[in-house]
Each structure stands twice: as C-alpha cells, then as structure tokens.
C-alpha cells in the first residue's frame, strides 16, 4: 500500500506543480521520511526479536487497523489530485471540504498516528509503538503548524476549517 501511495503522491506532485503549486517544508519532510523508514525497521526488528507473534489482543487491533485503512482510502480519494505526502499548495484555490474533511482538518495524519500505534501493537512491539508515537507527535507538531499557516495565508483554509477539529470529530476545534 505504501508503494502505491508513493506512486500516487509523485503523480499528484507533478500535476500540482504543473498547475503552479508551491512546496513548503522540504527540510522537515526529509526527517519525516527517515522517521517512517526507521519506524518500519524498528517494528520489523522488534517483532522478529519477540518471535513475530500476534498480540493476544489482535482481534481488537486488526479490525481497528482495517478501519484506519478505509479512512486512508477515503481521505486519498476525497482529496484526489490534491492528496500528497508533501505540503503542496495551489494559491487561491479553495480547499477540499468533502469526505472525511467534512469532520476533521487532518484525517490523513490521524491515519498515520493510529498506524504507528496499531501496527506494532498487533505484534507486541511495544517499544516501537511508544518511541515512534512520540517522534510522530513531535514531527506532526512541526508539520501541521507549517501546513496550517501556509494554507491560511494562501487559501480559504481558515474560513473553511475554522470550526473543525484537527483529529477527532468529537473534540471541539482549537
């Protein structure tokens, strides 16, 4: 699935840049990619070290993981050409407010956050779940701040998402 996402992201990046999109956050993007690669390596090593056995809670974690994948697909399809792993903004183009974006400002970041917790928990890789949840929270604090500031200055983001929460529909917006 990650490979398909990268192909989609690259295709969308070319299309958006051809339409005049500007890229932001190149420096932190590198670190985010490195963190994700290290997450996968850490998960594999820890899970293999522990015998790659499913958690006794797998029957809870697996359905949650599958629901998260549905949210991922819904998010990607809702954004269409605008979906990307990078911060690419088309000036003065209205933001997408359909699909999960009717309820949340950042459903894709919610997906990544839940995956970083659920994948290791499925195979008892608790160290990976804790360490990379912390690293992901730090990374997202930088990324979301930059992304929102950029979108507010270049699009109708501030108005469109003023009352929507960042991650969870039942928490009020800040």
C-alpha atoms as a PDB file:
ATOM      1  CA  UNK A   1       0.000   0.000   0.000  1.00  0.00           C
ATOM      2  CA  UNK A   2       2.868   2.390   0.797  1.00  0.00           C
ATOM      3  CA  UNK A   3       4.352   1.890  -2.666  1.00  0.00           C
ATOM      4  CA  UNK A   4       1.002   2.663  -4.318  1.00  0.00           C
ATOM      5  CA  UNK A   5       0.729   5.793  -2.164  1.00  0.00           C
ATOM      6  CA  UNK A   6       4.171   6.975  -3.210  1.00  0.00           C
ATOM      7  CA  UNK A   7       3.284   6.476  -6.875  1.00  0.00           C
ATOM      8  CA  UNK A   8       0.035   8.424  -6.421  1.00  0.00           C
ATOM      9  CA  UNK A   9       1.858  11.160  -4.490  1.00  0.00           C
ATOM     10  CA  UNK A  10       4.516  11.548  -7.199  1.00  0.00           C
ATOM     11  CA  UNK A  11       1.888  11.707  -9.945  1.00  0.00           C
ATOM     12  CA  UNK A  12      -0.116  14.270  -7.972  1.00  0.00           C
ATOM     13  CA  UNK A  13       3.020  16.284  -7.216  1.00  0.00           C
ATOM     14  CA  UNK A  14       3.823  16.607 -10.922  1.00  0.00           C
ATOM     15  CA  UNK A  15       0.229  17.635 -11.704  1.00  0.00           C
ATOM     16  CA  UNK A  16       0.050  20.173  -8.871  1.00  0.00           C
ATOM     17  CA  UNK A  17       3.404  21.741  -9.691  1.00  0.00           C
ATOM     18  CA  UNK A  18       2.348  21.987 -13.346  1.00  0.00           C
ATOM     19  CA  UNK A  19      -0.700  23.970 -12.124  1.00  0.00           C
ATOM     20  CA  UNK A  20       1.542  26.305 -10.101  1.00  0.00           C
ATOM     21  CA  UNK A  21       1.599  24.696  -6.658  1.00  0.00           C
ATOM     22  CA  UNK A  22       4.299  25.805  -4.255  1.00  0.00           C
ATOM     23  CA  UNK A  23       6.093  23.343  -1.962  1.00  0.00           C
ATOM     24  CA  UNK A  24       6.727  24.004   1.722  1.00  0.00           C
ATOM     25  CA  UNK A  25       8.504  22.100   4.495  1.00  0.00           C
ATOM     26  CA  UNK A  26      11.232  20.397   2.471  1.00  0.00           C
ATOM     27  CA  UNK A  27      13.581  20.200   5.459  1.00  0.00           C
ATOM     28  CA  UNK A  28      11.185  18.532   7.882  1.00  0.00           C
ATOM     29  CA  UNK A  29       9.850  16.288   5.088  1.00  0.00           C
ATOM     30  CA  UNK A  30      13.246  14.567   4.851  1.00  0.00           C
ATOM     31  CA  UNK A  31      13.200  13.893   8.573  1.00  0.00           C
ATOM     32  CA  UNK A  32       9.629  12.642   8.387  1.00  0.00           C
ATOM     33  CA  UNK A  33      10.578  10.140   5.667  1.00  0.00           C
ATOM     34  CA  UNK A  34      13.584   8.981   7.691  1.00  0.00           C
ATOM     35  CA  UNK A  35      11.360   8.557  10.756  1.00  0.00           C
ATOM     36  CA  UNK A  36       8.876   6.438   8.787  1.00  0.00           C
ATOM     37  CA  UNK A  37      11.626   4.209   7.392  1.00  0.00           C
ATOM     38  CA  UNK A  38      13.114   3.798  10.875  1.00  0.00           C
ATOM     39  CA  UNK A  39       9.649   3.021  12.225  1.00  0.00           C
ATOM     40  CA  UNK A  40       9.256   0.126   9.777  1.00  0.00           C
ATOM     41  CA  UNK A  41      12.757  -1.179  10.544  1.00  0.00           C
ATOM     42  CA  UNK A  42      12.230  -0.874  14.283  1.00  0.00           C
ATOM     43  CA  UNK A  43       8.883  -2.625  14.056  1.00  0.00           C
ATOM     44  CA  UNK A  44      10.322  -5.489  11.995  1.00  0.00           C
ATOM     45  CA  UNK A  45      13.343  -5.939  14.259  1.00  0.00           C
ATOM     46  CA  UNK A  46      11.364  -5.784  17.494  1.00  0.00           C
ATOM     47  CA  UNK A  47       8.598  -8.065  16.213  1.00  0.00           C
ATOM     48  CA  UNK A  48      11.121 -10.603  14.887  1.00  0.00           C
ATOM     49  CA  UNK A  49      13.115 -10.449  18.122  1.00  0.00           C
ATOM     50  CA  UNK A  50       9.935 -11.288  20.014  1.00  0.00           C
ATOM     51  CA  UNK A  51       9.109 -14.169  17.665  1.00  0.00           C
ATOM     52  CA  UNK A  52       6.739 -12.249  15.376  1.00  0.00           C
ATOM     53  CA  UNK A  53       3.718 -13.476  17.320  1.00  0.00           C
ATOM     54  CA  UNK A  54       0.381 -11.738  17.233  1.00  0.00           C
ATOM     55  CA  UNK A  55      -0.735  -9.950  20.340  1.00  0.00           C
ATOM     56  CA  UNK A  56      -3.419 -11.678  22.352  1.00  0.00           C
ATOM     57  CA  UNK A  57      -5.432  -8.529  21.596  1.00  0.00           C
ATOM     58  CA  UNK A  58      -5.091  -8.993  17.835  1.00  0.00           C
ATOM     59  CA  UNK A  59      -8.856  -9.477  17.426  1.00  0.00           C
ATOM     60  CA  UNK A  60      -9.297  -5.896  18.669  1.00  0.00           C
ATOM     61  CA  UNK A  61      -6.271  -4.329  16.923  1.00  0.00           C
ATOM     62  CA  UNK A  62      -6.769  -5.885  13.472  1.00  0.00           C
ATOM     63  CA  UNK A  63     -10.318  -4.550  12.902  1.00  0.00           C
ATOM     64  CA  UNK A  64      -9.155  -1.154  14.142  1.00  0.00           C
ATOM     65  CA  UNK A  65      -6.271  -1.263  11.673  1.00  0.00           C
ATOM     66  CA  UNK A  66      -8.642  -2.198   8.826  1.00  0.00           C
ATOM     67  CA  UNK A  67     -10.971   0.689   9.715  1.00  0.00           C
ATOM     68  CA  UNK A  68      -7.949   3.005   9.633  1.00  0.00           C
ATOM     69  CA  UNK A  69      -7.149   1.747   6.113  1.00  0.00           C
ATOM     70  CA  UNK A  70     -10.689   2.558   5.000  1.00  0.00           C
ATOM     71  CA  UNK A  71     -10.213   6.071   6.378  1.00  0.00           C
ATOM     72  CA  UNK A  72      -6.899   6.314   4.474  1.00  0.00           C
ATOM     73  CA  UNK A  73      -8.517   5.335   1.170  1.00  0.00           C
ATOM     74  CA  UNK A  74     -11.469   7.675   1.780  1.00  0.00           C
ATOM     75  CA  UNK A  75      -9.018  10.503   2.503  1.00  0.00           C
ATOM     76  CA  UNK A  76      -6.940   9.887  -0.624  1.00  0.00           C
ATOM     77  CA  UNK A  77      -9.991   9.651  -2.873  1.00  0.00           C
ATOM     78  CA  UNK A  78     -11.574  12.729  -1.305  1.00  0.00           C
ATOM     79  CA  UNK A  79      -8.529  14.890  -1.997  1.00  0.00           C
ATOM     80  CA  UNK A  80      -7.957  13.429  -5.453  1.00  0.00           C
ATOM     81  CA  UNK A  81      -5.116  15.275  -7.187  1.00  0.00           C
ATOM     82  CA  UNK A  82      -4.583  17.386  -4.060  1.00  0.00           C
ATOM     83  CA  UNK A  83      -3.524  14.379  -1.944  1.00  0.00           C
ATOM     84  CA  UNK A  84       0.203  14.241  -1.351  1.00  0.00           C
ATOM     85  CA  UNK A  85       2.838  13.325   1.190  1.00  0.00           C
ATOM     86  CA  UNK A  86       4.380  16.781   0.764  1.00  0.00           C
ATOM     87  CA  UNK A  87       2.958  20.192   1.562  1.00  0.00           C
ATOM     88  CA  UNK A  88       1.976  21.456  -1.889  1.00  0.00           C
ATOM     89  CA  UNK A  89      -0.355  24.452  -2.047  1.00  0.00           C
ATOM     90  CA  UNK A  90      -2.090  25.985  -5.036  1.00  0.00           C
ATOM     91  CA  UNK A  91      -2.543  29.675  -4.208  1.00  0.00           C
ATOM     92  CA  UNK A  92      -6.131  30.956  -4.163  1.00  0.00           C
ATOM     93  CA  UNK A  93      -7.678  27.537  -4.861  1.00  0.00           C
ATOM     94  CA  UNK A  94     -10.422  26.538  -2.399  1.00  0.00           C
ATOM     95  CA  UNK A  95      -9.514  23.699  -0.045  1.00  0.00           C
ATOM     96  CA  UNK A  96     -11.276  20.343  -0.241  1.00  0.00           C
ATOM     97  CA  UNK A  97     -14.093  20.048   2.304  1.00  0.00           C
ATOM     98  CA  UNK A  98     -15.653  16.726   1.304  1.00  0.00           C
ATOM     99  CA  UNK A  99     -15.229  13.184   2.560  1.00  0.00           C
ATOM    100  CA  UNK A 100     -13.579  12.971   5.991  1.00  0.00           C
ATOM    101  CA  UNK A 101     -12.658  16.650   5.641  1.00  0.00           C
ATOM    102  CA  UNK A 102     -16.290  17.426   6.488  1.00  0.00           C
ATOM    103  CA  UNK A 103     -15.465  16.299  10.025  1.00  0.00           C
ATOM    104  CA  UNK A 104     -11.704  16.791  10.505  1.00  0.00           C
ATOM    105  CA  UNK A 105      -8.902  19.033   9.351  1.00  0.00           C
ATOM    106  CA  UNK A 106      -6.281  16.269   9.216  1.00  0.00           C
ATOM    107  CA  UNK A 107      -7.705  12.785   8.703  1.00  0.00           C
ATOM    108  CA  UNK A 108      -4.533  11.609   6.947  1.00  0.00           C
ATOM    109  CA  UNK A 109      -2.399  12.498   9.981  1.00  0.00           C
ATOM    110  CA  UNK A 110      -4.886  10.673  12.191  1.00  0.00           C
ATOM    111  CA  UNK A 111      -4.427   7.603   9.972  1.00  0.00           C
ATOM    112  CA  UNK A 112      -0.634   7.741  10.266  1.00  0.00           C
ATOM    113  CA  UNK A 113      -0.802   8.280  14.026  1.00  0.00           C
ATOM    114  CA  UNK A 114      -3.105   5.294  14.513  1.00  0.00           C
ATOM    115  CA  UNK A 115      -0.970   3.086  12.254  1.00  0.00           C
ATOM    116  CA  UNK A 116       2.159   3.928  14.233  1.00  0.00           C
ATOM    117  CA  UNK A 117       0.336   2.701  17.331  1.00  0.00           C
ATOM    118  CA  UNK A 118      -1.653  -0.233  15.916  1.00  0.00           C
ATOM    119  CA  UNK A 119       0.903  -1.974  13.681  1.00  0.00           C
ATOM    120  CA  UNK A 120       3.421  -2.545  16.489  1.00  0.00           C
ATOM    121  CA  UNK A 121       0.691  -3.433  18.992  1.00  0.00           C
ATOM    122  CA  UNK A 122      -0.549  -6.175  16.663  1.00  0.00           C
ATOM    123  CA  UNK A 123       2.817  -7.934  17.061  1.00  0.00           C
ATOM    124  CA  UNK A 124       3.722  -6.919  20.628  1.00  0.00           C
ATOM    125  CA  UNK A 125       6.347  -4.386  19.526  1.00  0.00           C
ATOM    126  CA  UNK A 126       5.545  -2.063  22.413  1.00  0.00           C
ATOM    127  CA  UNK A 127       8.860  -0.190  22.365  1.00  0.00           C
ATOM    128  CA  UNK A 128       8.346   0.760  18.722  1.00  0.00           C
ATOM    129  CA  UNK A 129       4.784   1.888  19.442  1.00  0.00           C
ATOM    130  CA  UNK A 130       5.884   4.183  22.272  1.00  0.00           C
ATOM    131  CA  UNK A 131       9.082   5.628  20.749  1.00  0.00           C
ATOM    132  CA  UNK A 132       7.624   6.302  17.312  1.00  0.00           C
ATOM    133  CA  UNK A 133       4.351   7.665  18.681  1.00  0.00           C
ATOM    134  CA  UNK A 134       6.417  10.288  20.497  1.00  0.00           C
ATOM    135  CA  UNK A 135       8.561  11.010  17.420  1.00  0.00           C
ATOM    136  CA  UNK A 136       5.455  11.205  15.236  1.00  0.00           C
ATOM    137  CA  UNK A 137       3.743  13.625  17.638  1.00  0.00           C
ATOM    138  CA  UNK A 138       6.804  15.875  17.550  1.00  0.00           C
ATOM    139  CA  UNK A 139       7.049  15.685  13.750  1.00  0.00           C
ATOM    140  CA  UNK A 140       3.350  16.428  13.300  1.00  0.00           C
ATOM    141  CA  UNK A 141       3.535  19.398  15.667  1.00  0.00           C
ATOM    142  CA  UNK A 142       6.036  20.978  13.266  1.00  0.00           C
ATOM    143  CA  UNK A 143       4.345  19.846  10.062  1.00  0.00           C
ATOM    144  CA  UNK A 144       0.757  20.742  10.960  1.00  0.00           C
ATOM    145  CA  UNK A 145       1.775  24.170  12.226  1.00  0.00           C
ATOM    146  CA  UNK A 146       3.559  24.953   8.951  1.00  0.00           C
ATOM    147  CA  UNK A 147       0.832  23.406   6.801  1.00  0.00           C
ATOM    148  CA  UNK A 148      -1.984  25.308   8.503  1.00  0.00           C
ATOM    149  CA  UNK A 149      -0.103  28.610   8.491  1.00  0.00           C
ATOM    150  CA  UNK A 150       0.642  28.187   4.768  1.00  0.00           C
ATOM    151  CA  UNK A 151      -2.893  27.153   3.859  1.00  0.00           C
ATOM    152  CA  UNK A 152      -4.356  30.053   5.858  1.00  0.00           C
ATOM    153  CA  UNK A 153      -2.181  32.564   4.045  1.00  0.00           C
ATOM    154  CA  UNK A 154      -2.744  31.168   0.544  1.00  0.00           C
ATOM    155  CA  UNK A 155      -6.270  29.661   0.500  1.00  0.00           C
ATOM    156  CA  UNK A 156      -9.666  29.788   2.192  1.00  0.00           C
ATOM    157  CA  UNK A 157      -8.467  27.233   4.778  1.00  0.00           C
ATOM    158  CA  UNK A 158      -9.031  29.471   7.815  1.00  0.00           C
ATOM    159  CA  UNK A 159     -12.650  30.066   6.924  1.00  0.00           C
ATOM    160  CA  UNK A 160     -13.398  26.543   5.666  1.00  0.00           C
ATOM    161  CA  UNK A 161     -11.919  24.726   8.674  1.00  0.00           C
ATOM    162  CA  UNK A 162     -12.476  27.276  11.407  1.00  0.00           C
ATOM    163  CA  UNK A 163     -14.868  25.050  13.376  1.00  0.00           C
ATOM    164  CA  UNK A 164     -13.468  21.632  12.500  1.00  0.00           C
ATOM    165  CA  UNK A 165     -11.264  19.758  14.979  1.00  0.00           C
ATOM    166  CA  UNK A 166      -7.836  18.582  13.867  1.00  0.00           C
ATOM    167  CA  UNK A 167      -8.112  14.835  14.520  1.00  0.00           C
ATOM    168  CA  UNK A 168     -11.216  13.738  16.356  1.00  0.00           C
ATOM    169  CA  UNK A 169     -14.775  14.762  15.388  1.00  0.00           C
ATOM    170  CA  UNK A 170     -15.987  14.734  18.996  1.00  0.00           C
ATOM    171  CA  UNK A 171     -13.359  17.210  20.277  1.00  0.00           C
ATOM    172  CA  UNK A 172     -14.053  20.902  19.695  1.00  0.00           C
ATOM    173  CA  UNK A 173     -11.801  22.874  17.343  1.00  0.00           C
ATOM    174  CA  UNK A 174      -8.955  24.929  18.774  1.00  0.00           C
END
